[in-house]
Amino acid sequence: MNDDIDRAAYRRGINQALARMRESTRRRKAVRLDVSLATIDNWQSGATFPSEANLARLANASGTTQEAIRTGAVQ
């Protein structure tokens, strides 16, 4: 991850994007994104951040952009 990115904003963007997804449970979101529940937990806590491929899937599944997620500007 680029050190110039605001980690708190990125984490906020991830949580906003996950909330926008149509799937109602974390398990369904994980299945849709092809990641584990632990991965979702790590993203939400800021312990880890999505790979570029996973970020692209998250952006697509939530109807937003990768840049909006990175900057915490998901609407």
Protein backbone atom coordinates (compact mmCIF):
# COMPACT_ATOMS: atom_id res chain seq x y z
CA MET A 1 0.00 0.00 0.00
CA ASN A 2 1.21 3.49 -0.82
CA ASP A 3 2.42 5.33 2.30
CA ASP A 4 0.85 8.56 1.00
CA ILE A 5 -2.66 7.15 1.48
CA ASP A 6 -4.54 8.15 4.63
CA ARG A 7 -5.07 4.79 6.32
CA ALA A 8 -8.06 5.98 8.40
CA ALA A 9 -9.79 7.33 5.27
CA TYR A 10 -9.06 4.11 3.38
CA ARG A 11 -10.54 2.05 6.22
CA ARG A 12 -13.61 4.32 6.27
CA GLY A 13 -13.99 3.88 2.52
CA ILE A 14 -13.81 0.10 2.85
CA ASN A 15 -16.51 0.11 5.52
CA GLN A 16 -18.69 2.45 3.45
CA ALA A 17 -18.29 0.28 0.37
CA LEU A 18 -19.11 -2.89 2.30
CA ALA A 19 -22.23 -1.21 3.70
CA ARG A 20 -23.36 -0.30 0.15
CA MET A 21 -23.26 -3.89 -1.05
CA ARG A 22 -26.67 -5.51 -1.57
CA GLU A 23 -25.70 -8.66 0.28
CA SER A 24 -27.13 -8.54 3.79
CA THR A 25 -24.56 -10.57 5.72
CA ARG A 26 -20.81 -10.45 6.02
CA ARG A 27 -20.69 -14.08 4.91
CA ARG A 28 -22.55 -13.28 1.67
CA LYS A 29 -20.33 -10.27 1.08
CA ALA A 30 -17.25 -12.46 1.54
CA VAL A 31 -18.62 -15.02 -0.93
CA ARG A 32 -19.43 -12.30 -3.47
CA LEU A 33 -15.92 -10.85 -3.14
CA ASP A 34 -14.29 -14.32 -3.09
CA VAL A 35 -12.51 -13.67 0.22
CA SER A 36 -12.76 -15.15 3.72
CA LEU A 37 -14.70 -13.67 6.63
CA ALA A 38 -11.34 -13.10 8.32
CA THR A 39 -10.27 -10.99 5.35
CA ILE A 40 -13.41 -8.86 5.66
CA ASP A 41 -12.70 -8.44 9.39
CA ASN A 42 -9.09 -7.44 8.68
CA TRP A 43 -10.17 -4.86 6.10
CA GLN A 44 -12.80 -3.40 8.43
CA SER A 45 -10.35 -3.10 11.33
CA GLY A 46 -7.55 -1.70 9.17
CA ALA A 47 -5.26 -4.63 9.97
CA THR A 48 -4.86 -5.24 6.23
CA PHE A 49 -6.06 -3.59 3.04
CA PRO A 50 -7.38 -5.16 -0.16
CA SER A 51 -5.10 -6.17 -2.98
CA GLU A 52 -5.66 -4.27 -6.22
CA ALA A 53 -7.78 -7.17 -7.54
CA ASN A 54 -9.89 -7.28 -4.37
CA LEU A 55 -10.25 -3.51 -4.35
CA ALA A 56 -11.55 -3.68 -7.92
CA ARG A 57 -14.08 -6.37 -6.91
CA LEU A 58 -15.18 -4.33 -3.88
CA ALA A 59 -15.63 -1.20 -5.99
CA ASN A 60 -17.64 -3.11 -8.58
CA ALA A 61 -19.81 -4.87 -5.99
CA SER A 62 -20.57 -1.63 -4.16
CA GLY A 63 -21.14 0.53 -7.23
CA THR A 64 -18.37 2.96 -6.42
CA THR A 65 -14.82 3.66 -7.55
CA GLN A 66 -11.51 2.43 -6.24
CA GLU A 67 -10.43 6.03 -5.66
CA ALA A 68 -13.55 6.77 -3.59
CA ILE A 69 -12.76 3.75 -1.41
CA ARG A 70 -9.09 4.75 -1.03
CA THR A 71 -10.01 8.28 0.01
CA GLY A 72 -13.01 7.43 2.18
CA ALA A 73 -15.33 9.36 -0.12
CA VAL A 74 -17.88 6.62 -0.88
CA GLN A 75 -21.32 8.20 -1.25
